[in-house]
Amino acid sequence: MSEQEAITVTLTLDNDEELECAVLTIYEAGEHEYIALLPLDKDGEENQSGEVYIYRYSESTPGEPDLENIEDDDEYELAADKFDEWLDAQEYDELEESDTDK
């Protein structure tokens, strides 16, 4: 996560429990946009489990995001693969930055 203040969203789970998550990225894959969320612990810190939630993302009105579960396995695979590509690029950028700091 960057040194900037993280953007967070609160998910309401099926059992009505609320879960605070940091927004990792919003990205396009295929015909849709997706959002990758990192659950935060009770202290608002990143979880250490490596668990990330991916949802279909849209805005019905500007500034009003809508998140939808991805029901189709093929669509989820497409969204997850694109997120993995984004994650790999972030890790590469971090390596490049650390090399230039030397």
PDB file of N, CA and C in Angstrom:
ATOM      1  N   MET A   1       0.844  -1.165   0.000  1.00  0.00           N
ATOM      2  CA  MET A   1       0.000   0.000   0.000  1.00  0.00           C
ATOM      3  C   MET A   1       0.892   1.231   0.000  1.00  0.00           C
ATOM      4  N   SER A   2       0.482   2.286  -0.661  1.00  0.00           N
ATOM      5  CA  SER A   2       1.300   3.484  -0.748  1.00  0.00           C
ATOM      6  C   SER A   2       1.278   4.253   0.563  1.00  0.00           C
ATOM      7  N   GLU A   3       2.133   5.269   0.604  1.00  0.00           N
ATOM      8  CA  GLU A   3       2.216   6.075   1.814  1.00  0.00           C
ATOM      9  C   GLU A   3       1.017   7.004   1.944  1.00  0.00           C
ATOM     10  N   GLN A   4       0.246   7.163   0.870  1.00  0.00           N
ATOM     11  CA  GLN A   4      -0.942   7.998   0.914  1.00  0.00           C
ATOM     12  C   GLN A   4      -1.998   7.323   1.784  1.00  0.00           C
ATOM     13  N   GLU A   5      -2.961   8.117   2.226  1.00  0.00           N
ATOM     14  CA  GLU A   5      -4.078   7.566   2.990  1.00  0.00           C
ATOM     15  C   GLU A   5      -4.886   6.641   2.078  1.00  0.00           C
ATOM     16  N   ALA A   6      -5.157   5.444   2.521  1.00  0.00           N
ATOM     17  CA  ALA A   6      -5.887   4.464   1.717  1.00  0.00           C
ATOM     18  C   ALA A   6      -7.361   4.846   1.620  1.00  0.00           C
ATOM     19  N   ILE A   7      -7.948   4.592   0.458  1.00  0.00           N
ATOM     20  CA  ILE A   7      -9.383   4.748   0.276  1.00  0.00           C
ATOM     21  C   ILE A   7     -10.016   3.456   0.770  1.00  0.00           C
ATOM     22  N   THR A   8     -11.042   3.572   1.596  1.00  0.00           N
ATOM     23  CA  THR A   8     -11.679   2.377   2.139  1.00  0.00           C
ATOM     24  C   THR A   8     -13.168   2.358   1.810  1.00  0.00           C
ATOM     25  N   VAL A   9     -13.727   1.167   1.830  1.00  0.00           N
ATOM     26  CA  VAL A   9     -15.165   0.962   1.701  1.00  0.00           C
ATOM     27  C   VAL A   9     -15.586  -0.011   2.794  1.00  0.00           C
ATOM     28  N   THR A  10     -16.826   0.069   3.182  1.00  0.00           N
ATOM     29  CA  THR A  10     -17.373  -0.846   4.175  1.00  0.00           C
ATOM     30  C   THR A  10     -18.344  -1.791   3.481  1.00  0.00           C
ATOM     31  N   LEU A  11     -18.050  -3.075   3.548  1.00  0.00           N
ATOM     32  CA  LEU A  11     -18.930  -4.099   2.995  1.00  0.00           C
ATOM     33  C   LEU A  11     -19.870  -4.588   4.079  1.00  0.00           C
ATOM     34  N   THR A  12     -21.118  -4.832   3.725  1.00  0.00           N
ATOM     35  CA  THR A  12     -22.048  -5.498   4.623  1.00  0.00           C
ATOM     36  C   THR A  12     -22.184  -6.929   4.123  1.00  0.00           C
ATOM     37  N   LEU A  13     -21.732  -7.872   4.929  1.00  0.00           N
ATOM     38  CA  LEU A  13     -21.717  -9.279   4.542  1.00  0.00           C
ATOM     39  C   LEU A  13     -23.101  -9.899   4.691  1.00  0.00           C
ATOM     40  N   ASP A  14     -23.248 -11.130   4.214  1.00  0.00           N
ATOM     41  CA  ASP A  14     -24.540 -11.822   4.261  1.00  0.00           C
ATOM     42  C   ASP A  14     -25.093 -11.935   5.675  1.00  0.00           C
ATOM     43  N   ASN A  15     -24.212 -12.018   6.681  1.00  0.00           N
ATOM     44  CA  ASN A  15     -24.655 -12.143   8.072  1.00  0.00           C
ATOM     45  C   ASN A  15     -24.817 -10.778   8.744  1.00  0.00           C
ATOM     46  N   ASP A  16     -24.879  -9.709   7.947  1.00  0.00           N
ATOM     47  CA  ASP A  16     -25.025  -8.319   8.395  1.00  0.00           C
ATOM     48  C   ASP A  16     -23.803  -7.785   9.135  1.00  0.00           C
ATOM     49  N   GLU A  17     -22.720  -8.544   9.168  1.00  0.00           N
ATOM     50  CA  GLU A  17     -21.469  -8.057   9.746  1.00  0.00           C
ATOM     51  C   GLU A  17     -20.851  -7.060   8.767  1.00  0.00           C
ATOM     52  N   GLU A  18     -20.252  -5.988   9.303  1.00  0.00           N
ATOM     53  CA  GLU A  18     -19.591  -5.004   8.453  1.00  0.00           C
ATOM     54  C   GLU A  18     -18.097  -5.272   8.428  1.00  0.00           C
ATOM     55  N   LEU A  19     -17.499  -5.109   7.254  1.00  0.00           N
ATOM     56  CA  LEU A  19     -16.080  -5.367   7.066  1.00  0.00           C
ATOM     57  C   LEU A  19     -15.465  -4.187   6.327  1.00  0.00           C
ATOM     58  N   GLU A  20     -14.505  -3.539   6.959  1.00  0.00           N
ATOM     59  CA  GLU A  20     -13.797  -2.417   6.339  1.00  0.00           C
ATOM     60  C   GLU A  20     -12.713  -2.970   5.418  1.00  0.00           C
ATOM     61  N   CYS A  21     -12.639  -2.433   4.196  1.00  0.00           N
ATOM     62  CA  CYS A  21     -11.666  -2.898   3.211  1.00  0.00           C
ATOM     63  C   CYS A  21     -10.972  -1.714   2.555  1.00  0.00           C
ATOM     64  N   ALA A  22      -9.695  -1.887   2.268  1.00  0.00           N
ATOM     65  CA  ALA A  22      -8.950  -0.896   1.493  1.00  0.00           C
ATOM     66  C   ALA A  22      -9.148  -1.195   0.011  1.00  0.00           C
ATOM     67  N   VAL A  23      -9.334  -0.142  -0.783  1.00  0.00           N
ATOM     68  CA  VAL A  23      -9.443  -0.300  -2.227  1.00  0.00           C
ATOM     69  C   VAL A  23      -8.033  -0.415  -2.792  1.00  0.00           C
ATOM     70  N   LEU A  24      -7.729  -1.557  -3.391  1.00  0.00           N
ATOM     71  CA  LEU A  24      -6.418  -1.749  -4.011  1.00  0.00           C
ATOM     72  C   LEU A  24      -6.373  -1.133  -5.400  1.00  0.00           C
ATOM     73  N   THR A  25      -7.399  -1.429  -6.200  1.00  0.00           N
ATOM     74  CA  THR A  25      -7.458  -0.894  -7.556  1.00  0.00           C
ATOM     75  C   THR A  25      -8.849  -1.108  -8.138  1.00  0.00           C
ATOM     76  N   ILE A  26      -9.172  -0.296  -9.121  1.00  0.00           N
ATOM     77  CA  ILE A  26     -10.356  -0.479  -9.960  1.00  0.00           C
ATOM     78  C   ILE A  26      -9.811  -0.631 -11.373  1.00  0.00           C
ATOM     79  N   TYR A  27     -10.236  -1.672 -12.081  1.00  0.00           N
ATOM     80  CA  TYR A  27      -9.626  -1.977 -13.373  1.00  0.00           C
ATOM     81  C   TYR A  27     -10.636  -2.595 -14.326  1.00  0.00           C
ATOM     82  N   GLU A  28     -10.314  -2.548 -15.614  1.00  0.00           N
ATOM     83  CA  GLU A  28     -11.149  -3.159 -16.642  1.00  0.00           C
ATOM     84  C   GLU A  28     -10.628  -4.540 -16.993  1.00  0.00           C
ATOM     85  N   ALA A  29     -11.551  -5.436 -17.256  1.00  0.00           N
ATOM     86  CA  ALA A  29     -11.218  -6.765 -17.777  1.00  0.00           C
ATOM     87  C   ALA A  29     -12.409  -7.203 -18.614  1.00  0.00           C
ATOM     88  N   GLY A  30     -12.180  -7.475 -19.870  1.00  0.00           N
ATOM     89  CA  GLY A  30     -13.296  -7.837 -20.735  1.00  0.00           C
ATOM     90  C   GLY A  30     -14.249  -6.668 -20.882  1.00  0.00           C
ATOM     91  N   GLU A  31     -15.524  -6.927 -20.671  1.00  0.00           N
ATOM     92  CA  GLU A  31     -16.556  -5.912 -20.872  1.00  0.00           C
ATOM     93  C   GLU A  31     -16.924  -5.151 -19.605  1.00  0.00           C
ATOM     94  N   HIS A  32     -16.299  -5.455 -18.481  1.00  0.00           N
ATOM     95  CA  HIS A  32     -16.705  -4.860 -17.205  1.00  0.00           C
ATOM     96  C   HIS A  32     -15.528  -4.230 -16.478  1.00  0.00           C
ATOM     97  N   GLU A  33     -15.875  -3.465 -15.444  1.00  0.00           N
ATOM     98  CA  GLU A  33     -14.873  -2.964 -14.515  1.00  0.00           C
ATOM     99  C   GLU A  33     -14.989  -3.769 -13.230  1.00  0.00           C
ATOM    100  N   TYR A  34     -13.869  -3.891 -12.531  1.00  0.00           N
ATOM    101  CA  TYR A  34     -13.813  -4.659 -11.291  1.00  0.00           C
ATOM    102  C   TYR A  34     -13.078  -3.853 -10.240  1.00  0.00           C
ATOM    103  N   ILE A  35     -13.328  -4.205  -8.987  1.00  0.00           N
ATOM    104  CA  ILE A  35     -12.652  -3.565  -7.867  1.00  0.00           C
ATOM    105  C   ILE A  35     -12.029  -4.659  -7.005  1.00  0.00           C
ATOM    106  N   ALA A  36     -10.793  -4.436  -6.592  1.00  0.00           N
ATOM    107  CA  ALA A  36     -10.089  -5.377  -5.716  1.00  0.00           C
ATOM    108  C   ALA A  36      -9.997  -4.744  -4.334  1.00  0.00           C
ATOM    109  N   LEU A  37     -10.476  -5.469  -3.332  1.00  0.00           N
ATOM    110  CA  LEU A  37     -10.543  -4.967  -1.959  1.00  0.00           C
ATOM    111  C   LEU A  37      -9.714  -5.837  -1.027  1.00  0.00           C
ATOM    112  N   LEU A  38      -8.980  -5.184  -0.142  1.00  0.00           N
ATOM    113  CA  LEU A  38      -8.165  -5.871   0.860  1.00  0.00           C
ATOM    114  C   LEU A  38      -8.824  -5.679   2.219  1.00  0.00           C
ATOM    115  N   PRO A  39      -9.356  -6.748   2.835  1.00  0.00           N
ATOM    116  CA  PRO A  39      -9.975  -6.611   4.158  1.00  0.00           C
ATOM    117  C   PRO A  39      -8.969  -6.086   5.180  1.00  0.00           C
ATOM    118  N   LEU A  40      -9.443  -5.201   6.044  1.00  0.00           N
ATOM    119  CA  LEU A  40      -8.610  -4.650   7.108  1.00  0.00           C
ATOM    120  C   LEU A  40      -8.956  -5.324   8.423  1.00  0.00           C
ATOM    121  N   ASP A  41      -7.992  -5.385   9.336  1.00  0.00           N
ATOM    122  CA  ASP A  41      -8.274  -5.974  10.640  1.00  0.00           C
ATOM    123  C   ASP A  41      -9.001  -4.957  11.523  1.00  0.00           C
ATOM    124  N   LYS A  42      -9.276  -5.330  12.758  1.00  0.00           N
ATOM    125  CA  LYS A  42     -10.051  -4.469  13.666  1.00  0.00           C
ATOM    126  C   LYS A  42      -9.367  -3.145  13.965  1.00  0.00           C
ATOM    127  N   ASP A  43      -8.033  -3.103  13.775  1.00  0.00           N
ATOM    128  CA  ASP A  43      -7.280  -1.872  14.010  1.00  0.00           C
ATOM    129  C   ASP A  43      -7.130  -1.046  12.740  1.00  0.00           C
ATOM    130  N   GLY A  44      -7.757  -1.482  11.658  1.00  0.00           N
ATOM    131  CA  GLY A  44      -7.661  -0.766  10.397  1.00  0.00           C
ATOM    132  C   GLY A  44      -6.379  -1.036   9.636  1.00  0.00           C
ATOM    133  N   GLU A  45      -5.658  -2.080  10.031  1.00  0.00           N
ATOM    134  CA  GLU A  45      -4.408  -2.450   9.362  1.00  0.00           C
ATOM    135  C   GLU A  45      -4.688  -3.540   8.328  1.00  0.00           C
ATOM    136  N   GLU A  46      -3.805  -3.646   7.325  1.00  0.00           N
ATOM    137  CA  GLU A  46      -3.943  -4.684   6.308  1.00  0.00           C
ATOM    138  C   GLU A  46      -3.897  -6.064   6.947  1.00  0.00           C
ATOM    139  N   ASN A  47      -4.769  -6.960   6.475  1.00  0.00           N
ATOM    140  CA  ASN A  47      -4.727  -8.336   6.975  1.00  0.00           C
ATOM    141  C   ASN A  47      -3.481  -9.014   6.436  1.00  0.00           C
ATOM    142  N   GLN A  48      -3.018  -9.991   7.125  1.00  0.00           N
ATOM    143  CA  GLN A  48      -1.803 -10.701   6.720  1.00  0.00           C
ATOM    144  C   GLN A  48      -2.105 -12.016   6.004  1.00  0.00           C
ATOM    145  N   SER A  49      -3.381 -12.318   5.799  1.00  0.00           N
ATOM    146  CA  SER A  49      -3.752 -13.591   5.177  1.00  0.00           C
ATOM    147  C   SER A  49      -3.568 -13.585   3.663  1.00  0.00           C
ATOM    148  N   GLY A  50      -3.441 -12.409   3.073  1.00  0.00           N
ATOM    149  CA  GLY A  50      -3.318 -12.320   1.627  1.00  0.00           C
ATOM    150  C   GLY A  50      -4.652 -12.409   0.909  1.00  0.00           C
ATOM    151  N   GLU A  51      -5.742 -12.434   1.665  1.00  0.00           N
ATOM    152  CA  GLU A  51      -7.073 -12.540   1.086  1.00  0.00           C
ATOM    153  C   GLU A  51      -7.463 -11.218   0.428  1.00  0.00           C
ATOM    154  N   VAL A  52      -7.957 -11.295  -0.808  1.00  0.00           N
ATOM    155  CA  VAL A  52      -8.423 -10.129  -1.551  1.00  0.00           C
ATOM    156  C   VAL A  52      -9.799 -10.467  -2.107  1.00  0.00           C
ATOM    157  N   TYR A  53     -10.722  -9.507  -2.045  1.00  0.00           N
ATOM    158  CA  TYR A  53     -12.058  -9.697  -2.605  1.00  0.00           C
ATOM    159  C   TYR A  53     -12.146  -8.953  -3.928  1.00  0.00           C
ATOM    160  N   ILE A  54     -12.702  -9.611  -4.940  1.00  0.00           N
ATOM    161  CA  ILE A  54     -12.893  -8.990  -6.247  1.00  0.00           C
ATOM    162  C   ILE A  54     -14.388  -8.969  -6.544  1.00  0.00           C
ATOM    163  N   TYR A  55     -14.887  -7.778  -6.904  1.00  0.00           N
ATOM    164  CA  TYR A  55     -16.295  -7.586  -7.247  1.00  0.00           C
ATOM    165  C   TYR A  55     -16.397  -6.887  -8.594  1.00  0.00           C
ATOM    166  N   ARG A  56     -17.532  -7.092  -9.274  1.00  0.00           N
ATOM    167  CA  ARG A  56     -17.828  -6.287 -10.449  1.00  0.00           C
ATOM    168  C   ARG A  56     -18.173  -4.889  -9.937  1.00  0.00           C
ATOM    169  N   TYR A  57     -17.662  -3.866 -10.631  1.00  0.00           N
ATOM    170  CA  TYR A  57     -17.790  -2.484 -10.182  1.00  0.00           C
ATOM    171  C   TYR A  57     -18.499  -1.654 -11.248  1.00  0.00           C
ATOM    172  N   SER A  58     -19.412  -0.795 -10.800  1.00  0.00           N
ATOM    173  CA  SER A  58     -20.032   0.181 -11.695  1.00  0.00           C
ATOM    174  C   SER A  58     -20.480   1.363 -10.843  1.00  0.00           C
ATOM    175  N   GLU A  59     -20.836   2.441 -11.504  1.00  0.00           N
ATOM    176  CA  GLU A  59     -21.380   3.607 -10.804  1.00  0.00           C
ATOM    177  C   GLU A  59     -22.711   3.943 -11.449  1.00  0.00           C
ATOM    178  N   SER A  60     -23.807   3.794 -10.680  1.00  0.00           N
ATOM    179  CA  SER A  60     -25.122   4.120 -11.211  1.00  0.00           C
ATOM    180  C   SER A  60     -25.268   5.627 -11.357  1.00  0.00           C
ATOM    181  N   THR A  61     -24.707   6.359 -10.420  1.00  0.00           N
ATOM    182  CA  THR A  61     -24.600   7.813 -10.503  1.00  0.00           C
ATOM    183  C   THR A  61     -23.180   8.163 -10.078  1.00  0.00           C
ATOM    184  N   PRO A  62     -22.625   9.242 -10.607  1.00  0.00           N
ATOM    185  CA  PRO A  62     -21.237   9.589 -10.265  1.00  0.00           C
ATOM    186  C   PRO A  62     -21.007   9.645  -8.753  1.00  0.00           C
ATOM    187  N   GLY A  63     -19.966   8.956  -8.307  1.00  0.00           N
ATOM    188  CA  GLY A  63     -19.627   8.935  -6.889  1.00  0.00           C
ATOM    189  C   GLY A  63     -20.417   7.933  -6.070  1.00  0.00           C
ATOM    190  N   GLU A  64     -21.314   7.186  -6.706  1.00  0.00           N
ATOM    191  CA  GLU A  64     -22.129   6.179  -6.019  1.00  0.00           C
ATOM    192  C   GLU A  64     -21.788   4.795  -6.571  1.00  0.00           C
ATOM    193  N   PRO A  65     -20.759   4.144  -6.029  1.00  0.00           N
ATOM    194  CA  PRO A  65     -20.354   2.850  -6.585  1.00  0.00           C
ATOM    195  C   PRO A  65     -21.339   1.730  -6.259  1.00  0.00           C
ATOM    196  N   ASP A  66     -21.471   0.826  -7.210  1.00  0.00           N
ATOM    197  CA  ASP A  66     -22.254  -0.399  -7.029  1.00  0.00           C
ATOM    198  C   ASP A  66     -21.292  -1.573  -7.162  1.00  0.00           C
ATOM    199  N   LEU A  67     -21.324  -2.480  -6.199  1.00  0.00           N
ATOM    200  CA  LEU A  67     -20.505  -3.690  -6.239  1.00  0.00           C
ATOM    201  C   LEU A  67     -21.426  -4.885  -6.407  1.00  0.00           C
ATOM    202  N   GLU A  68     -21.066  -5.776  -7.320  1.00  0.00           N
ATOM    203  CA  GLU A  68     -21.857  -6.981  -7.554  1.00  0.00           C
ATOM    204  C   GLU A  68     -20.967  -8.204  -7.428  1.00  0.00           C
ATOM    205  N   ASN A  69     -21.514  -9.263  -6.848  1.00  0.00           N
ATOM    206  CA  ASN A  69     -20.796 -10.538  -6.828  1.00  0.00           C
ATOM    207  C   ASN A  69     -20.614 -11.030  -8.256  1.00  0.00           C
ATOM    208  N   ILE A  70     -19.527 -11.710  -8.504  1.00  0.00           N
ATOM    209  CA  ILE A  70     -19.266 -12.304  -9.814  1.00  0.00           C
ATOM    210  C   ILE A  70     -19.737 -13.753  -9.731  1.00  0.00           C
ATOM    211  N   GLU A  71     -20.837 -14.046 -10.408  1.00  0.00           N
ATOM    212  CA  GLU A  71     -21.463 -15.368 -10.309  1.00  0.00           C
ATOM    213  C   GLU A  71     -20.866 -16.380 -11.286  1.00  0.00           C
ATOM    214  N   ASP A  72     -20.382 -15.910 -12.426  1.00  0.00           N
ATOM    215  CA  ASP A  72     -19.892 -16.785 -13.487  1.00  0.00           C
ATOM    216  C   ASP A  72     -18.415 -17.113 -13.277  1.00  0.00           C
ATOM    217  N   ASP A  73     -18.077 -18.401 -13.290  1.00  0.00           N
ATOM    218  CA  ASP A  73     -16.692 -18.835 -13.061  1.00  0.00           C
ATOM    219  C   ASP A  73     -15.726 -18.277 -14.105  1.00  0.00           C
ATOM    220  N   ASP A  74     -16.144 -18.261 -15.377  1.00  0.00           N
ATOM    221  CA  ASP A  74     -15.268 -17.749 -16.432  1.00  0.00           C
ATOM    222  C   ASP A  74     -15.009 -16.257 -16.249  1.00  0.00           C
ATOM    223  N   GLU A  75     -16.050 -15.520 -15.892  1.00  0.00           N
ATOM    224  CA  GLU A  75     -15.885 -14.085 -15.654  1.00  0.00           C
ATOM    225  C   GLU A  75     -14.961 -13.850 -14.469  1.00  0.00           C
ATOM    226  N   TYR A  76     -15.137 -14.639 -13.404  1.00  0.00           N
ATOM    227  CA  TYR A  76     -14.267 -14.478 -12.236  1.00  0.00           C
ATOM    228  C   TYR A  76     -12.810 -14.773 -12.596  1.00  0.00           C
ATOM    229  N   GLU A  77     -12.599 -15.815 -13.382  1.00  0.00           N
ATOM    230  CA  GLU A  77     -11.238 -16.180 -13.806  1.00  0.00           C
ATOM    231  C   GLU A  77     -10.595 -15.037 -14.590  1.00  0.00           C
ATOM    232  N   LEU A  78     -11.357 -14.421 -15.488  1.00  0.00           N
ATOM    233  CA  LEU A  78     -10.871 -13.286 -16.266  1.00  0.00           C
ATOM    234  C   LEU A  78     -10.493 -12.122 -15.345  1.00  0.00           C
ATOM    235  N   ALA A  79     -11.378 -11.799 -14.396  1.00  0.00           N
ATOM    236  CA  ALA A  79     -11.128 -10.694 -13.468  1.00  0.00           C
ATOM    237  C   ALA A  79      -9.929 -10.985 -12.568  1.00  0.00           C
ATOM    238  N   ALA A  80      -9.814 -12.216 -12.092  1.00  0.00           N
ATOM    239  CA  ALA A  80      -8.705 -12.589 -11.210  1.00  0.00           C
ATOM    240  C   ALA A  80      -7.373 -12.565 -11.960  1.00  0.00           C
ATOM    241  N   ASP A  81      -7.370 -13.034 -13.208  1.00  0.00           N
ATOM    242  CA  ASP A  81      -6.141 -13.017 -14.007  1.00  0.00           C
ATOM    243  C   ASP A  81      -5.667 -11.589 -14.247  1.00  0.00           C
ATOM    244  N   LYS A  82      -6.608 -10.695 -14.550  1.00  0.00           N
ATOM    245  CA  LYS A  82      -6.246  -9.294 -14.787  1.00  0.00           C
ATOM    246  C   LYS A  82      -5.719  -8.661 -13.499  1.00  0.00           C
ATOM    247  N   PHE A  83      -6.314  -9.002 -12.356  1.00  0.00           N
ATOM    248  CA  PHE A  83      -5.814  -8.492 -11.077  1.00  0.00           C
ATOM    249  C   PHE A  83      -4.398  -9.004 -10.824  1.00  0.00           C
ATOM    250  N   ASP A  84      -4.138 -10.272 -11.114  1.00  0.00           N
ATOM    251  CA  ASP A  84      -2.789 -10.828 -10.947  1.00  0.00           C
ATOM    252  C   ASP A  84      -1.774 -10.077 -11.803  1.00  0.00           C
ATOM    253  N   GLU A  85      -2.171  -9.720 -13.036  1.00  0.00           N
ATOM    254  CA  GLU A  85      -1.283  -8.932 -13.899  1.00  0.00           C
ATOM    255  C   GLU A  85      -0.991  -7.576 -13.262  1.00  0.00           C
ATOM    256  N   TRP A  86      -2.023  -6.938 -12.719  1.00  0.00           N
ATOM    257  CA  TRP A  86      -1.844  -5.637 -12.058  1.00  0.00           C
ATOM    258  C   TRP A  86      -0.902  -5.781 -10.865  1.00  0.00           C
ATOM    259  N   LEU A  87      -1.108  -6.827 -10.078  1.00  0.00           N
ATOM    260  CA  LEU A  87      -0.278  -7.061  -8.896  1.00  0.00           C
ATOM    261  C   LEU A  87       1.181  -7.292  -9.292  1.00  0.00           C
ATOM    262  N   ASP A  88       1.402  -8.078 -10.334  1.00  0.00           N
ATOM    263  CA  ASP A  88       2.766  -8.306 -10.821  1.00  0.00           C
ATOM    264  C   ASP A  88       3.418  -6.992 -11.246  1.00  0.00           C
ATOM    265  N   ALA A  89       2.661  -6.126 -11.917  1.00  0.00           N
ATOM    266  CA  ALA A  89       3.195  -4.835 -12.355  1.00  0.00           C
ATOM    267  C   ALA A  89       3.560  -3.964 -11.156  1.00  0.00           C
ATOM    268  N   GLN A  90       2.744  -4.009 -10.088  1.00  0.00           N
ATOM    269  CA  GLN A  90       3.038  -3.227  -8.887  1.00  0.00           C
ATOM    270  C   GLN A  90       4.325  -3.710  -8.235  1.00  0.00           C
ATOM    271  N   GLU A  91       4.489  -5.015  -8.159  1.00  0.00           N
ATOM    272  CA  GLU A  91       5.699  -5.577  -7.558  1.00  0.00           C
ATOM    273  C   GLU A  91       6.922  -5.228  -8.396  1.00  0.00           C
ATOM    274  N   TYR A  92       6.794  -5.240  -9.722  1.00  0.00           N
ATOM    275  CA  TYR A  92       7.901  -4.876 -10.606  1.00  0.00           C
ATOM    276  C   TYR A  92       8.271  -3.407 -10.402  1.00  0.00           C
ATOM    277  N   ASP A  93       7.244  -2.533 -10.311  1.00  0.00           N
ATOM    278  CA  ASP A  93       7.494  -1.107 -10.083  1.00  0.00           C
ATOM    279  C   ASP A  93       8.230  -0.881  -8.772  1.00  0.00           C
ATOM    280  N   GLU A  94       7.858  -1.619  -7.726  1.00  0.00           N
ATOM    281  CA  GLU A  94       8.532  -1.484  -6.432  1.00  0.00           C
ATOM    282  C   GLU A  94       9.993  -1.903  -6.543  1.00  0.00           C
ATOM    283  N   LEU A  95      10.262  -2.976  -7.295  1.00  0.00           N
ATOM    284  CA  LEU A  95      11.644  -3.414  -7.499  1.00  0.00           C
ATOM    285  C   LEU A  95      12.439  -2.357  -8.260  1.00  0.00           C
ATOM    286  N   GLU A  96      11.839  -1.775  -9.286  1.00  0.00           N
ATOM    287  CA  GLU A  96      12.497  -0.731 -10.066  1.00  0.00           C
ATOM    288  C   GLU A  96      12.824   0.474  -9.183  1.00  0.00           C
ATOM    289  N   GLU A  97      11.872   0.869  -8.329  1.00  0.00           N
ATOM    290  CA  GLU A  97      12.087   2.011  -7.436  1.00  0.00           C
ATOM    291  C   GLU A  97      13.211   1.728  -6.451  1.00  0.00           C
ATOM    292  N   SER A  98      13.262   0.514  -5.917  1.00  0.00           N
ATOM    293  CA  SER A  98      14.316   0.195  -4.951  1.00  0.00           C
ATOM    294  C   SER A  98      15.683   0.158  -5.635  1.00  0.00           C
ATOM    295  N   ASP A  99      15.737  -0.240  -6.902  1.00  0.00           N
ATOM    296  CA  ASP A  99      17.001  -0.233  -7.645  1.00  0.00           C
ATOM    297  C   ASP A  99      17.495   1.184  -7.900  1.00  0.00           C
ATOM    298  N   THR A 100      16.584   2.116  -8.154  1.00  0.00           N
ATOM    299  CA  THR A 100      16.988   3.499  -8.421  1.00  0.00           C
ATOM    300  C   THR A 100      17.345   4.237  -7.144  1.00  0.00           C
ATOM    301  N   ASP A 101      16.905   3.746  -5.998  1.00  0.00           N
ATOM    302  CA  ASP A 101      17.230   4.369  -4.710  1.00  0.00           C
ATOM    303  C   ASP A 101      18.656   4.060  -4.275  1.00  0.00           C
ATOM    304  N   LYS A 102      19.283   3.080  -4.887  1.00  0.00           N
ATOM    305  CA  LYS A 102      20.633   2.657  -4.475  1.00  0.00           C
ATOM    306  C   LYS A 102      21.691   3.590  -5.014  1.00  0.00           C
TER     307      LYS A 102
END
